[in-house]
C-alpha atoms as a PDB file:
ATOM      1  CA  UNK A   1       0.000   0.000   0.000  1.00  0.00           C
ATOM      2  CA  UNK A   2       2.771   2.457   0.907  1.00  0.00           C
ATOM      3  CA  UNK A   3       4.335   1.962  -2.508  1.00  0.00           C
ATOM      4  CA  UNK A   4       1.055   2.862  -4.232  1.00  0.00           C
ATOM      5  CA  UNK A   5       0.784   6.060  -2.188  1.00  0.00           C
ATOM      6  CA  UNK A   6       4.404   6.989  -2.996  1.00  0.00           C
ATOM      7  CA  UNK A   7       3.695   6.448  -6.693  1.00  0.00           C
ATOM      8  CA  UNK A   8       0.584   8.661  -6.603  1.00  0.00           C
ATOM      9  CA  UNK A   9       2.465  11.468  -4.813  1.00  0.00           C
ATOM     10  CA  UNK A  10       5.315  11.294  -7.347  1.00  0.00           C
ATOM     11  CA  UNK A  11       2.816  11.520 -10.219  1.00  0.00           C
ATOM     12  CA  UNK A  12       0.801  14.324  -8.615  1.00  0.00           C
ATOM     13  CA  UNK A  13       3.701  16.628  -7.718  1.00  0.00           C
ATOM     14  CA  UNK A  14       6.306  15.404 -10.215  1.00  0.00           C
ATOM     15  CA  UNK A  15       8.842  14.907  -7.455  1.00  0.00           C
ATOM     16  CA  UNK A  16      10.683  11.763  -6.413  1.00  0.00           C
ATOM     17  CA  UNK A  17       9.143  10.491  -3.208  1.00  0.00           C
ATOM     18  CA  UNK A  18      10.016   8.095  -0.368  1.00  0.00           C
ATOM     19  CA  UNK A  19       7.421   7.233   2.272  1.00  0.00           C
ATOM     20  CA  UNK A  20       8.372   5.516   5.530  1.00  0.00           C
ATOM     21  CA  UNK A  21       6.032   3.948   8.081  1.00  0.00           C
ATOM     22  CA  UNK A  22       6.982   3.104  11.666  1.00  0.00           C
ATOM     23  CA  UNK A  23       3.818   1.143  12.384  1.00  0.00           C
ATOM     24  CA  UNK A  24       3.761  -2.641  12.509  1.00  0.00           C
ATOM     25  CA  UNK A  25       1.396  -4.024   9.885  1.00  0.00           C
ATOM     26  CA  UNK A  26       0.327  -6.868  12.172  1.00  0.00           C
ATOM     27  CA  UNK A  27      -0.975  -4.953  15.189  1.00  0.00           C
ATOM     28  CA  UNK A  28      -0.581  -1.258  14.311  1.00  0.00           C
ATOM     29  CA  UNK A  29       1.854  -0.572  17.139  1.00  0.00           C
ATOM     30  CA  UNK A  30       4.616   1.997  16.703  1.00  0.00           C
ATOM     31  CA  UNK A  31       8.103   0.630  16.115  1.00  0.00           C
ATOM     32  CA  UNK A  32      11.608   2.107  16.178  1.00  0.00           C
ATOM     33  CA  UNK A  33      12.270   0.422  12.825  1.00  0.00           C
ATOM     34  CA  UNK A  34      10.594   1.881   9.768  1.00  0.00           C
ATOM     35  CA  UNK A  35       9.997   0.376   6.362  1.00  0.00           C
ATOM     36  CA  UNK A  36       9.763   2.608   3.315  1.00  0.00           C
ATOM     37  CA  UNK A  37       9.042   2.601  -0.378  1.00  0.00           C
ATOM     38  CA  UNK A  38      10.118   5.134  -2.998  1.00  0.00           C
ATOM     39  CA  UNK A  39       9.235   6.135  -6.531  1.00  0.00           C
ATOM     40  CA  UNK A  40      11.380   8.286  -8.818  1.00  0.00           C
ATOM     41  CA  UNK A  41      10.702  10.779 -11.592  1.00  0.00           C
ATOM     42  CA  UNK A  42      13.032  11.989 -14.353  1.00  0.00           C
ATOM     43  CA  UNK A  43      16.600  10.687 -14.096  1.00  0.00           C
ATOM     44  CA  UNK A  44      16.965  10.446 -10.312  1.00  0.00           C
ATOM     45  CA  UNK A  45      18.301   6.951  -9.534  1.00  0.00           C
ATOM     46  CA  UNK A  46      16.723   5.883  -6.235  1.00  0.00           C
ATOM     47  CA  UNK A  47      19.164   3.041  -5.575  1.00  0.00           C
ATOM     48  CA  UNK A  48      22.136   5.356  -6.054  1.00  0.00           C
ATOM     49  CA  UNK A  49      20.495   7.916  -3.759  1.00  0.00           C
ATOM     50  CA  UNK A  50      19.973   5.306  -1.037  1.00  0.00           C
ATOM     51  CA  UNK A  51      23.499   3.996  -1.538  1.00  0.00           C
ATOM     52  CA  UNK A  52      24.772   7.465  -0.637  1.00  0.00           C
ATOM     53  CA  UNK A  53      23.087   7.009   2.762  1.00  0.00           C
ATOM     54  CA  UNK A  54      23.835   3.293   3.158  1.00  0.00           C
ATOM     55  CA  UNK A  55      25.756   3.792   6.417  1.00  0.00           C
ATOM     56  CA  UNK A  56      22.551   4.787   8.258  1.00  0.00           C
ATOM     57  CA  UNK A  57      20.214   2.248   6.620  1.00  0.00           C
ATOM     58  CA  UNK A  58      19.453  -1.241   7.920  1.00  0.00           C
ATOM     59  CA  UNK A  59      18.961  -2.416   4.327  1.00  0.00           C
ATOM     60  CA  UNK A  60      17.745  -1.218   0.955  1.00  0.00           C
ATOM     61  CA  UNK A  61      17.218  -2.463  -2.587  1.00  0.00           C
ATOM     62  CA  UNK A  62      15.370  -1.971  -5.845  1.00  0.00           C
ATOM     63  CA  UNK A  63      16.168  -0.193  -9.107  1.00  0.00           C
ATOM     64  CA  UNK A  64      16.490   3.358 -10.351  1.00  0.00           C
ATOM     65  CA  UNK A  65      12.732   4.060 -10.484  1.00  0.00           C
ATOM     66  CA  UNK A  66      11.453   2.137  -7.434  1.00  0.00           C
ATOM     67  CA  UNK A  67      13.130   1.067  -4.226  1.00  0.00           C
ATOM     68  CA  UNK A  68      12.481  -0.139  -0.702  1.00  0.00           C
ATOM     69  CA  UNK A  69      14.373   0.472   2.538  1.00  0.00           C
ATOM     70  CA  UNK A  70      14.487  -0.180   6.265  1.00  0.00           C
ATOM     71  CA  UNK A  71      15.761   2.496   8.658  1.00  0.00           C
ATOM     72  CA  UNK A  72      15.880   3.183  12.397  1.00  0.00           C
ATOM     73  CA  UNK A  73      13.792   6.121  13.601  1.00  0.00           C
ATOM     74  CA  UNK A  74      16.832   7.823  15.159  1.00  0.00           C
ATOM     75  CA  UNK A  75      18.393   8.135  11.686  1.00  0.00           C
ATOM     76  CA  UNK A  76      15.319   9.581   9.959  1.00  0.00           C
ATOM     77  CA  UNK A  77      16.494  13.225  10.013  1.00  0.00           C
ATOM     78  CA  UNK A  78      19.925  12.250   8.706  1.00  0.00           C
ATOM     79  CA  UNK A  79      18.380  10.167   5.949  1.00  0.00           C
ATOM     80  CA  UNK A  80      16.201  13.075   4.852  1.00  0.00           C
ATOM     81  CA  UNK A  81      19.258  15.364   4.724  1.00  0.00           C
ATOM     82  CA  UNK A  82      21.307  12.828   2.740  1.00  0.00           C
ATOM     83  CA  UNK A  83      18.549  12.247   0.182  1.00  0.00           C
ATOM     84  CA  UNK A  84      17.756  15.945  -0.296  1.00  0.00           C
ATOM     85  CA  UNK A  85      21.451  16.744  -0.772  1.00  0.00           C
ATOM     86  CA  UNK A  86      21.812  13.954  -3.330  1.00  0.00           C
ATOM     87  CA  UNK A  87      18.713  15.112  -5.230  1.00  0.00           C
ATOM     88  CA  UNK A  88      19.828  18.754  -5.272  1.00  0.00           C
ATOM     89  CA  UNK A  89      23.142  17.821  -6.873  1.00  0.00           C
ATOM     90  CA  UNK A  90      21.389  16.403  -9.923  1.00  0.00           C
ATOM     91  CA  UNK A  91      18.489  18.867 -10.085  1.00  0.00           C
ATOM     92  CA  UNK A  92      18.386  21.155 -13.114  1.00  0.00           C
ATOM     93  CA  UNK A  93      17.091  24.719 -13.014  1.00  0.00           C
ATOM     94  CA  UNK A  94      14.003  23.720 -14.979  1.00  0.00           C
ATOM     95  CA  UNK A  95      12.527  20.902 -12.919  1.00  0.00           C
ATOM     96  CA  UNK A  96       8.984  21.167 -14.211  1.00  0.00           C
ATOM     97  CA  UNK A  97       7.023  18.194 -15.432  1.00  0.00           C
ATOM     98  CA  UNK A  98       7.818  17.143 -18.995  1.00  0.00           C
ATOM     99  CA  UNK A  99       5.420  14.897 -20.843  1.00  0.00           C
ATOM    100  CA  UNK A 100       7.139  12.673 -23.382  1.00  0.00           C
ATOM    101  CA  UNK A 101       4.908  11.797 -26.332  1.00  0.00           C
ATOM    102  CA  UNK A 102       5.546   8.922 -28.710  1.00  0.00           C
ATOM    103  CA  UNK A 103       3.874  10.285 -31.829  1.00  0.00           C
ATOM    104  CA  UNK A 104       1.130  12.490 -33.251  1.00  0.00           C
ATOM    105  CA  UNK A 105      -2.001  10.743 -34.524  1.00  0.00           C
ATOM    106  CA  UNK A 106      -4.239  11.940 -37.341  1.00  0.00           C
ATOM    107  CA  UNK A 107      -7.981  11.282 -36.944  1.00  0.00           C
ATOM    108  CA  UNK A 108      -8.088   8.581 -39.649  1.00  0.00           C
ATOM    109  CA  UNK A 109      -5.218   6.731 -37.942  1.00  0.00           C
ATOM    110  CA  UNK A 110      -7.332   6.055 -34.843  1.00  0.00           C
ATOM    111  CA  UNK A 111      -8.906   2.714 -35.691  1.00  0.00           C
ATOM    112  CA  UNK A 112      -9.248  -0.821 -34.376  1.00  0.00           C
ATOM    113  CA  UNK A 113      -6.546  -2.288 -36.631  1.00  0.00           C
ATOM    114  CA  UNK A 114      -3.986   0.195 -35.335  1.00  0.00           C
ATOM    115  CA  UNK A 115      -4.767  -0.568 -31.678  1.00  0.00           C
ATOM    116  CA  UNK A 116      -4.688  -4.332 -32.325  1.00  0.00           C
ATOM    117  CA  UNK A 117      -1.231  -3.898 -33.854  1.00  0.00           C
ATOM    118  CA  UNK A 118      -0.153  -1.954 -30.746  1.00  0.00           C
ATOM    119  CA  UNK A 119      -1.015  -4.911 -28.541  1.00  0.00           C
ATOM    120  CA  UNK A 120       1.925  -6.789 -30.053  1.00  0.00           C
ATOM    121  CA  UNK A 121       4.182  -4.447 -28.066  1.00  0.00           C
ATOM    122  CA  UNK A 122       2.874  -5.817 -24.765  1.00  0.00           C
ATOM    123  CA  UNK A 123       3.615  -6.491 -21.971  1.00  0.00           C
ATOM    124  CA  UNK A 124       4.314  -2.917 -20.917  1.00  0.00           C
ATOM    125  CA  UNK A 125       6.513  -2.104 -17.964  1.00  0.00           C
ATOM    126  CA  UNK A 126       9.948  -0.830 -17.039  1.00  0.00           C
ATOM    127  CA  UNK A 127      11.867   0.198 -20.197  1.00  0.00           C
ATOM    128  CA  UNK A 128       8.819  -0.683 -22.330  1.00  0.00           C
ATOM    129  CA  UNK A 129       6.258   1.976 -21.518  1.00  0.00           C
ATOM    130  CA  UNK A 130       2.832   1.998 -23.109  1.00  0.00           C
ATOM    131  CA  UNK A 131       2.861   4.485 -26.028  1.00  0.00           C
ATOM    132  CA  UNK A 132       1.431   7.926 -25.275  1.00  0.00           C
ATOM    133  CA  UNK A 133      -0.200   9.571 -28.300  1.00  0.00           C
ATOM    134  CA  UNK A 134      -0.817  13.224 -29.094  1.00  0.00           C
ATOM    135  CA  UNK A 135      -4.197  14.253 -30.539  1.00  0.00           C
ATOM    136  CA  UNK A 136      -4.231  17.881 -31.695  1.00  0.00           C
ATOM    137  CA  UNK A 137      -7.220  20.254 -31.918  1.00  0.00           C
ATOM    138  CA  UNK A 138     -10.091  17.788 -31.394  1.00  0.00           C
ATOM    139  CA  UNK A 139     -13.679  18.869 -30.694  1.00  0.00           C
ATOM    140  CA  UNK A 140     -15.385  17.824 -27.426  1.00  0.00           C
ATOM    141  CA  UNK A 141     -18.894  16.621 -28.300  1.00  0.00           C
ATOM    142  CA  UNK A 142     -20.127  15.551 -24.838  1.00  0.00           C
ATOM    143  CA  UNK A 143     -19.027  15.136 -21.204  1.00  0.00           C
ATOM    144  CA  UNK A 144     -20.253  12.565 -18.650  1.00  0.00           C
ATOM    145  CA  UNK A 145     -19.883  11.815 -14.958  1.00  0.00           C
ATOM    146  CA  UNK A 146     -18.582   8.397 -13.887  1.00  0.00           C
ATOM    147  CA  UNK A 147     -18.843   6.528 -10.565  1.00  0.00           C
ATOM    148  CA  UNK A 148     -20.923   9.181  -8.856  1.00  0.00           C
ATOM    149  CA  UNK A 149     -18.691  12.028  -9.994  1.00  0.00           C
ATOM    150  CA  UNK A 150     -15.359  10.467  -8.985  1.00  0.00           C
ATOM    151  CA  UNK A 151     -14.226  10.207 -12.596  1.00  0.00           C
ATOM    152  CA  UNK A 152     -15.019  11.905 -15.913  1.00  0.00           C
ATOM    153  CA  UNK A 153     -15.564  10.672 -19.458  1.00  0.00           C
ATOM    154  CA  UNK A 154     -15.834  12.816 -22.566  1.00  0.00           C
ATOM    155  CA  UNK A 155     -16.111  12.207 -26.296  1.00  0.00           C
ATOM    156  CA  UNK A 156     -13.928  13.603 -29.097  1.00  0.00           C
ATOM    157  CA  UNK A 157     -15.303  13.982 -32.609  1.00  0.00           C
ATOM    158  CA  UNK A 158     -13.845  11.675 -35.260  1.00  0.00           C
ATOM    159  CA  UNK A 159     -14.541  11.517 -39.010  1.00  0.00           C
ATOM    160  CA  UNK A 160     -17.793   9.912 -40.140  1.00  0.00           C
ATOM    161  CA  UNK A 161     -19.889  11.142 -37.186  1.00  0.00           C
ATOM    162  CA  UNK A 162     -18.064   8.764 -34.837  1.00  0.00           C
ATOM    163  CA  UNK A 163     -16.547   9.636 -31.475  1.00  0.00           C
ATOM    164  CA  UNK A 164     -13.579   8.544 -29.370  1.00  0.00           C
ATOM    165  CA  UNK A 165     -14.392   8.046 -25.655  1.00  0.00           C
ATOM    166  CA  UNK A 166     -11.721   9.503 -23.337  1.00  0.00           C
ATOM    167  CA  UNK A 167     -11.551   8.251 -19.737  1.00  0.00           C
ATOM    168  CA  UNK A 168     -10.255  10.579 -17.008  1.00  0.00           C
ATOM    169  CA  UNK A 169      -9.714   8.354 -13.976  1.00  0.00           C
ATOM    170  CA  UNK A 170      -9.159  10.295 -10.765  1.00  0.00           C
ATOM    171  CA  UNK A 171     -10.438  13.504 -12.387  1.00  0.00           C
ATOM    172  CA  UNK A 172     -13.696  14.397 -10.530  1.00  0.00           C
ATOM    173  CA  UNK A 173     -16.552  15.496 -12.769  1.00  0.00           C
ATOM    174  CA  UNK A 174     -17.097  18.618 -10.654  1.00  0.00           C
ATOM    175  CA  UNK A 175     -13.474  19.697 -11.176  1.00  0.00           C
ATOM    176  CA  UNK A 176     -13.417  19.136 -14.938  1.00  0.00           C
ATOM    177  CA  UNK A 177     -12.379  22.495 -16.411  1.00  0.00           C
ATOM    178  CA  UNK A 178     -13.363  21.890 -20.032  1.00  0.00           C
ATOM    179  CA  UNK A 179     -16.697  22.240 -21.782  1.00  0.00           C
ATOM    180  CA  UNK A 180     -18.686  20.748 -24.606  1.00  0.00           C
ATOM    181  CA  UNK A 181     -17.691  22.659 -27.719  1.00  0.00           C
ATOM    182  CA  UNK A 182     -14.087  23.268 -26.657  1.00  0.00           C
ATOM    183  CA  UNK A 183     -11.290  22.205 -28.980  1.00  0.00           C
ATOM    184  CA  UNK A 184      -8.468  20.507 -27.135  1.00  0.00           C
ATOM    185  CA  UNK A 185      -5.052  18.878 -27.453  1.00  0.00           C
ATOM    186  CA  UNK A 186      -5.062  15.491 -25.728  1.00  0.00           C
ATOM    187  CA  UNK A 187      -2.328  13.071 -24.672  1.00  0.00           C
ATOM    188  CA  UNK A 188      -3.270   9.526 -23.745  1.00  0.00           C
ATOM    189  CA  UNK A 189      -2.970   5.792 -24.251  1.00  0.00           C
ATOM    190  CA  UNK A 190      -5.202   3.832 -26.632  1.00  0.00           C
ATOM    191  CA  UNK A 191      -7.014   0.681 -25.507  1.00  0.00           C
ATOM    192  CA  UNK A 192      -9.912  -1.551 -26.480  1.00  0.00           C
ATOM    193  CA  UNK A 193     -12.926  -1.590 -24.192  1.00  0.00           C
ATOM    194  CA  UNK A 194     -15.088  -4.729 -24.158  1.00  0.00           C
ATOM    195  CA  UNK A 195     -18.647  -4.267 -22.897  1.00  0.00           C
ATOM    196  CA  UNK A 196     -21.488  -6.712 -23.517  1.00  0.00           C
ATOM    197  CA  UNK A 197     -19.306  -8.516 -26.064  1.00  0.00           C
ATOM    198  CA  UNK A 198     -18.840  -5.307 -28.053  1.00  0.00           C
ATOM    199  CA  UNK A 199     -15.355  -3.921 -28.667  1.00  0.00           C
ATOM    200  CA  UNK A 200     -14.831  -0.151 -28.882  1.00  0.00           C
ATOM    201  CA  UNK A 201     -11.789   2.080 -28.889  1.00  0.00           C
ATOM    202  CA  UNK A 202     -11.087   4.301 -25.913  1.00  0.00           C
ATOM    203  CA  UNK A 203      -8.313   6.620 -24.799  1.00  0.00           C
ATOM    204  CA  UNK A 204      -7.091   6.885 -21.200  1.00  0.00           C
ATOM    205  CA  UNK A 205      -6.199  10.507 -20.496  1.00  0.00           C
ATOM    206  CA  UNK A 206      -2.672  11.478 -19.494  1.00  0.00           C
ATOM    207  CA  UNK A 207      -2.998  15.247 -19.978  1.00  0.00           C
ATOM    208  CA  UNK A 208      -4.975  17.817 -21.973  1.00  0.00           C
ATOM    209  CA  UNK A 209      -5.229  21.531 -22.719  1.00  0.00           C
ATOM    210  CA  UNK A 210      -7.211  23.923 -24.894  1.00  0.00           C
ATOM    211  CA  UNK A 211      -5.726  23.896 -28.384  1.00  0.00           C
ATOM    212  CA  UNK A 212      -3.699  26.908 -29.500  1.00  0.00           C
ATOM    213  CA  UNK A 213      -5.966  27.275 -32.539  1.00  0.00           C
ATOM    214  CA  UNK A 214      -9.073  27.426 -30.331  1.00  0.00           C
ATOM    215  CA  UNK A 215      -7.518  29.980 -27.963  1.00  0.00           C
ATOM    216  CA  UNK A 216      -6.327  32.147 -30.860  1.00  0.00           C
ATOM    217  CA  UNK A 217      -9.797  32.162 -32.441  1.00  0.00           C
ATOM    218  CA  UNK A 218     -11.484  33.187 -29.217  1.00  0.00           C
ATOM    219  CA  UNK A 219      -8.783  35.726 -28.372  1.00  0.00           C
ATOM    220  CA  UNK A 220      -9.190  37.241 -31.825  1.00  0.00           C
ATOM    221  CA  UNK A 221     -12.948  37.528 -31.322  1.00  0.00           C
ATOM    222  CA  UNK A 222     -12.526  39.174 -27.910  1.00  0.00           C
ATOM    223  CA  UNK A 223     -10.066  41.663 -29.427  1.00  0.00           C
ATOM    224  CA  UNK A 224     -12.463  42.388 -32.307  1.00  0.00           C
ATOM    225  CA  UNK A 225     -15.335  43.114 -29.912  1.00  0.00           C
ATOM    226  CA  UNK A 226     -13.087  45.333 -27.785  1.00  0.00           C
ATOM    227  CA  UNK A 227     -12.065  47.304 -30.873  1.00  0.00           C
ATOM    228  CA  UNK A 228     -15.697  47.751 -31.952  1.00  0.00           C
ATOM    229  CA  UNK A 229     -16.525  49.064 -28.477  1.00  0.00           C
ATOM    230  CA  UNK A 230     -13.712  51.576 -28.978  1.00  0.00           C
ATOM    231  CA  UNK A 231     -15.387  52.851 -32.188  1.00  0.00           C
ATOM    232  CA  UNK A 232     -12.883  51.145 -34.473  1.00  0.00           C
ATOM    233  CA  UNK A 233     -14.228  50.010 -37.849  1.00  0.00           C
ATOM    234  CA  UNK A 234     -13.589  46.278 -38.375  1.00  0.00           C
ATOM    235  CA  UNK A 235     -11.212  45.350 -41.171  1.00  0.00           C
ATOM    236  CA  UNK A 236     -12.076  43.103 -42.924  1.00  0.00           C
ATOM    237  CA  UNK A 237     -15.728  44.182 -42.722  1.00  0.00           C
ATOM    238  CA  UNK A 238     -17.867  42.478 -40.082  1.00  0.00           C
ATOM    239  CA  UNK A 239     -20.870  40.587 -41.486  1.00  0.00           C
ATOM    240  CA  UNK A 240     -21.820  38.213 -38.646  1.00  0.00           C
ATOM    241  CA  UNK A 241     -23.694  40.551 -36.274  1.00  0.00           C
ATOM    242  CA  UNK A 242     -26.803  39.748 -34.175  1.00  0.00           C
ATOM    243  CA  UNK A 243     -29.980  41.030 -35.804  1.00  0.00           C
ATOM    244  CA  UNK A 244     -32.972  42.390 -33.877  1.00  0.00           C
ATOM    245  CA  UNK A 245     -35.020  39.182 -34.207  1.00  0.00           C
ATOM    246  CA  UNK A 246     -32.066  37.058 -33.054  1.00  0.00           C
ATOM    247  CA  UNK A 247     -31.414  38.782 -29.721  1.00  0.00           C
ATOM    248  CA  UNK A 248     -34.600  37.593 -27.870  1.00  0.00           C
ATOM    249  CA  UNK A 249     -33.983  33.854 -28.459  1.00  0.00           C
ATOM    250  CA  UNK A 250     -30.353  34.246 -27.420  1.00  0.00           C
ATOM    251  CA  UNK A 251     -31.464  35.866 -24.169  1.00  0.00           C
ATOM    252  CA  UNK A 252     -34.133  33.185 -23.644  1.00  0.00           C
ATOM    253  CA  UNK A 253     -31.442  30.521 -23.967  1.00  0.00           C
ATOM    254  CA  UNK A 254     -29.323  32.246 -21.305  1.00  0.00           C
ATOM    255  CA  UNK A 255     -32.359  32.424 -18.991  1.00  0.00           C
ATOM    256  CA  UNK A 256     -32.968  28.704 -19.452  1.00  0.00           C
ATOM    257  CA  UNK A 257     -29.368  27.889 -18.593  1.00  0.00           C
ATOM    258  CA  UNK A 258     -29.339  30.157 -15.550  1.00  0.00           C
ATOM    259  CA  UNK A 259     -32.387  28.874 -13.705  1.00  0.00           C
ATOM    260  CA  UNK A 260     -31.863  31.117 -10.649  1.00  0.00           C
ATOM    261  CA  UNK A 261     -31.173  34.836 -10.939  1.00  0.00           C
ATOM    262  CA  UNK A 262     -27.781  35.621  -9.429  1.00  0.00           C
ATOM    263  CA  UNK A 263     -26.324  32.148 -10.029  1.00  0.00           C
ATOM    264  CA  UNK A 264     -23.021  32.141 -11.923  1.00  0.00           C
ATOM    265  CA  UNK A 265     -22.436  29.718 -14.770  1.00  0.00           C
ATOM    266  CA  UNK A 266     -19.516  28.892 -17.054  1.00  0.00           C
ATOM    267  CA  UNK A 267     -20.463  28.872 -20.714  1.00  0.00           C
ATOM    268  CA  UNK A 268     -18.584  27.541 -23.721  1.00  0.00           C
ATOM    269  CA  UNK A 269     -19.453  30.013 -26.523  1.00  0.00           C
ATOM    270  CA  UNK A 270     -19.030  27.458 -29.309  1.00  0.00           C
ATOM    271  CA  UNK A 271     -21.280  24.865 -27.699  1.00  0.00           C
ATOM    272  CA  UNK A 272     -23.897  27.451 -26.634  1.00  0.00           C
ATOM    273  CA  UNK A 273     -24.035  28.956 -30.138  1.00  0.00           C
ATOM    274  CA  UNK A 274     -24.624  25.507 -31.630  1.00  0.00           C
ATOM    275  CA  UNK A 275     -27.414  24.806 -29.095  1.00  0.00           C
ATOM    276  CA  UNK A 276     -29.097  28.167 -29.850  1.00  0.00           C
ATOM    277  CA  UNK A 277     -28.958  27.566 -33.609  1.00  0.00           C
ATOM    278  CA  UNK A 278     -30.523  24.127 -33.211  1.00  0.00           C
ATOM    279  CA  UNK A 279     -33.173  25.041 -30.623  1.00  0.00           C
ATOM    280  CA  UNK A 280     -34.360  28.357 -32.083  1.00  0.00           C
ATOM    281  CA  UNK A 281     -33.626  27.735 -35.791  1.00  0.00           C
ATOM    282  CA  UNK A 282     -31.443  30.816 -36.207  1.00  0.00           C
ATOM    283  CA  UNK A 283     -27.853  31.100 -37.375  1.00  0.00           C
ATOM    284  CA  UNK A 284     -25.878  31.832 -34.236  1.00  0.00           C
ATOM    285  CA  UNK A 285     -22.100  31.790 -34.467  1.00  0.00           C
ATOM    286  CA  UNK A 286     -19.748  32.077 -31.513  1.00  0.00           C
ATOM    287  CA  UNK A 287     -18.935  35.699 -32.461  1.00  0.00           C
ATOM    288  CA  UNK A 288     -22.628  36.582 -32.762  1.00  0.00           C
ATOM    289  CA  UNK A 289     -23.286  35.137 -29.305  1.00  0.00           C
ATOM    290  CA  UNK A 290     -20.398  37.081 -27.764  1.00  0.00           C
ATOM    291  CA  UNK A 291     -21.648  40.322 -29.320  1.00  0.00           C
ATOM    292  CA  UNK A 292     -25.154  39.625 -27.972  1.00  0.00           C
ATOM    293  CA  UNK A 293     -23.794  38.971 -24.471  1.00  0.00           C
ATOM    294  CA  UNK A 294     -21.935  42.301 -24.534  1.00  0.00           C
ATOM    295  CA  UNK A 295     -25.165  44.043 -25.546  1.00  0.00           C
ATOM    296  CA  UNK A 296     -27.053  42.364 -22.691  1.00  0.00           C
ATOM    297  CA  UNK A 297     -24.320  43.400 -20.273  1.00  0.00           C
ATOM    298  CA  UNK A 298     -24.492  47.039 -21.376  1.00  0.00           C
ATOM    299  CA  UNK A 299     -28.276  46.917 -20.844  1.00  0.00           C
ATOM    300  CA  UNK A 300     -27.791  45.693 -17.272  1.00  0.00           C
ATOM    301  CA  UNK A 301     -29.213  42.228 -17.908  1.00  0.00           C
ATOM    302  CA  UNK A 302     -26.103  40.272 -16.895  1.00  0.00           C
ATOM    303  CA  UNK A 303     -22.465  40.518 -15.937  1.00  0.00           C
ATOM    304  CA  UNK A 304     -19.750  38.379 -17.466  1.00  0.00           C
ATOM    305  CA  UNK A 305     -16.050  37.704 -17.664  1.00  0.00           C
ATOM    306  CA  UNK A 306     -14.726  36.676 -21.056  1.00  0.00           C
ATOM    307  CA  UNK A 307     -11.076  37.684 -21.365  1.00  0.00           C
ATOM    308  CA  UNK A 308      -8.688  35.557 -23.382  1.00  0.00           C
ATOM    309  CA  UNK A 309      -7.227  34.288 -20.106  1.00  0.00           C
ATOM    310  CA  UNK A 310     -10.633  33.175 -18.826  1.00  0.00           C
ATOM    311  CA  UNK A 311     -12.061  30.496 -21.090  1.00  0.00           C
ATOM    312  CA  UNK A 312     -14.877  29.538 -21.069  1.00  0.00           C
ATOM    313  CA  UNK A 313     -16.779  32.707 -20.171  1.00  0.00           C
ATOM    314  CA  UNK A 314     -18.412  33.176 -16.765  1.00  0.00           C
ATOM    315  CA  UNK A 315     -21.710  35.023 -16.459  1.00  0.00           C
ATOM    316  CA  UNK A 316     -24.689  35.590 -14.177  1.00  0.00           C
ATOM    317  CA  UNK A 317     -28.050  37.255 -14.720  1.00  0.00           C
ATOM    318  CA  UNK A 318     -28.972  40.394 -12.803  1.00  0.00           C
ATOM    319  CA  UNK A 319     -32.435  40.833 -11.190  1.00  0.00           C
ATOM    320  CA  UNK A 320     -34.752  42.928 -13.398  1.00  0.00           C
ATOM    321  CA  UNK A 321     -37.681  43.657 -11.039  1.00  0.00           C
ATOM    322  CA  UNK A 322     -40.066  43.671 -14.034  1.00  0.00           C
ATOM    323  CA  UNK A 323     -38.683  46.891 -15.532  1.00  0.00           C
ATOM    324  CA  UNK A 324     -38.612  47.029 -19.323  1.00  0.00           C
ATOM    325  CA  UNK A 325     -35.192  47.042 -20.939  1.00  0.00           C
ATOM    326  CA  UNK A 326     -34.504  48.786 -24.239  1.00  0.00           C
ATOM    327  CA  UNK A 327     -31.679  47.501 -26.400  1.00  0.00           C
ATOM    328  CA  UNK A 328     -31.042  51.093 -27.475  1.00  0.00           C
ATOM    329  CA  UNK A 329     -29.482  51.568 -24.032  1.00  0.00           C
ATOM    330  CA  UNK A 330     -26.533  49.601 -25.391  1.00  0.00           C
ATOM    331  CA  UNK A 331     -23.911  51.689 -27.239  1.00  0.00           C
ATOM    332  CA  UNK A 332     -22.646  48.495 -28.887  1.00  0.00           C
ATOM    333  CA  UNK A 333     -26.138  47.693 -30.189  1.00  0.00           C
ATOM    334  CA  UNK A 334     -26.513  51.174 -31.711  1.00  0.00           C
ATOM    335  CA  UNK A 335     -23.043  50.985 -33.225  1.00  0.00           C
ATOM    336  CA  UNK A 336     -23.695  47.558 -34.749  1.00  0.00           C
ATOM    337  CA  UNK A 337     -27.108  48.570 -36.094  1.00  0.00           C
ATOM    338  CA  UNK A 338     -25.675  51.697 -37.756  1.00  0.00           C
ATOM    339  CA  UNK A 339     -22.742  49.718 -39.116  1.00  0.00           C
ATOM    340  CA  UNK A 340     -24.990  46.936 -40.457  1.00  0.00           C
ATOM    341  CA  UNK A 341     -27.321  49.383 -42.204  1.00  0.00           C
ATOM    342  CA  UNK A 342     -24.328  51.088 -43.802  1.00  0.00           C
ATOM    343  CA  UNK A 343     -22.946  47.758 -44.983  1.00  0.00           C
ATOM    344  CA  UNK A 344     -26.269  46.580 -46.522  1.00  0.00           C
ATOM    345  CA  UNK A 345     -27.109  49.743 -48.472  1.00  0.00           C
END
């Protein structure tokens, strides 16, 4: 058990870790002799590190990535000092976590035949790690909770209206920071899941992030809206603006999502725009939705945060107390309406 905990700590903090227990496993009593287990990251050789402190250890053994030891409690402080000194000697200035990827996969390369061929590389283990693949700029189609919220599963879009399930073990659903409609870069291992005698591909998540392309698109849209608010004329000309008949359904959608006035929600603009287009049969792009939200904010209907460093956007509705709101109270609305009329003459 102590080895499993040491491994999880090393993975979580990307630091080599040795845990030592002074409790007897048989009766739980405290002993003066402790038994420990260690796990290493990067190039730190645990056996060499323990060898440097061999004069104060009862015994030790293992290999460079995992080791065990026995030590007297009176030598614990000295052991800690020896190990820290040894680690500092080999520590580089940049000691951040580095994820090593085996290769980049194109969407049409993710298929059953490829994963079956991968199985010939098994068994995986020391010096034969399971391949970690890089999937770039994939669209999240749906997100699900697993095991009562302890884990998360989401789907990535693949060609031919198919999806690739991605399993995030140990990633609580409530802490999942991504949204339906986001485009992401994903690193993970490919496996075959067998359920009710049906085989499907799945990817076990190692790490993920919003794709650079997705961030650049949204950042560009935020900058464009900021420039319009500063009375700058868009170049190239802006054609995708919210029309008068499109603003009410967009606001109705926001009201449906925020069921309680004052509650804050996180909204993925791409996913919300697709939902609005489907539900209300209008053409609502991500840019059109963002412009509409800025208009609603200027009219005092909601407050939001949508900087390029805060994706997805956060917003909450403000109480209206039954007073009528005129869209002409929004400078952005008036500017867009004048601009649109000029463009369509």
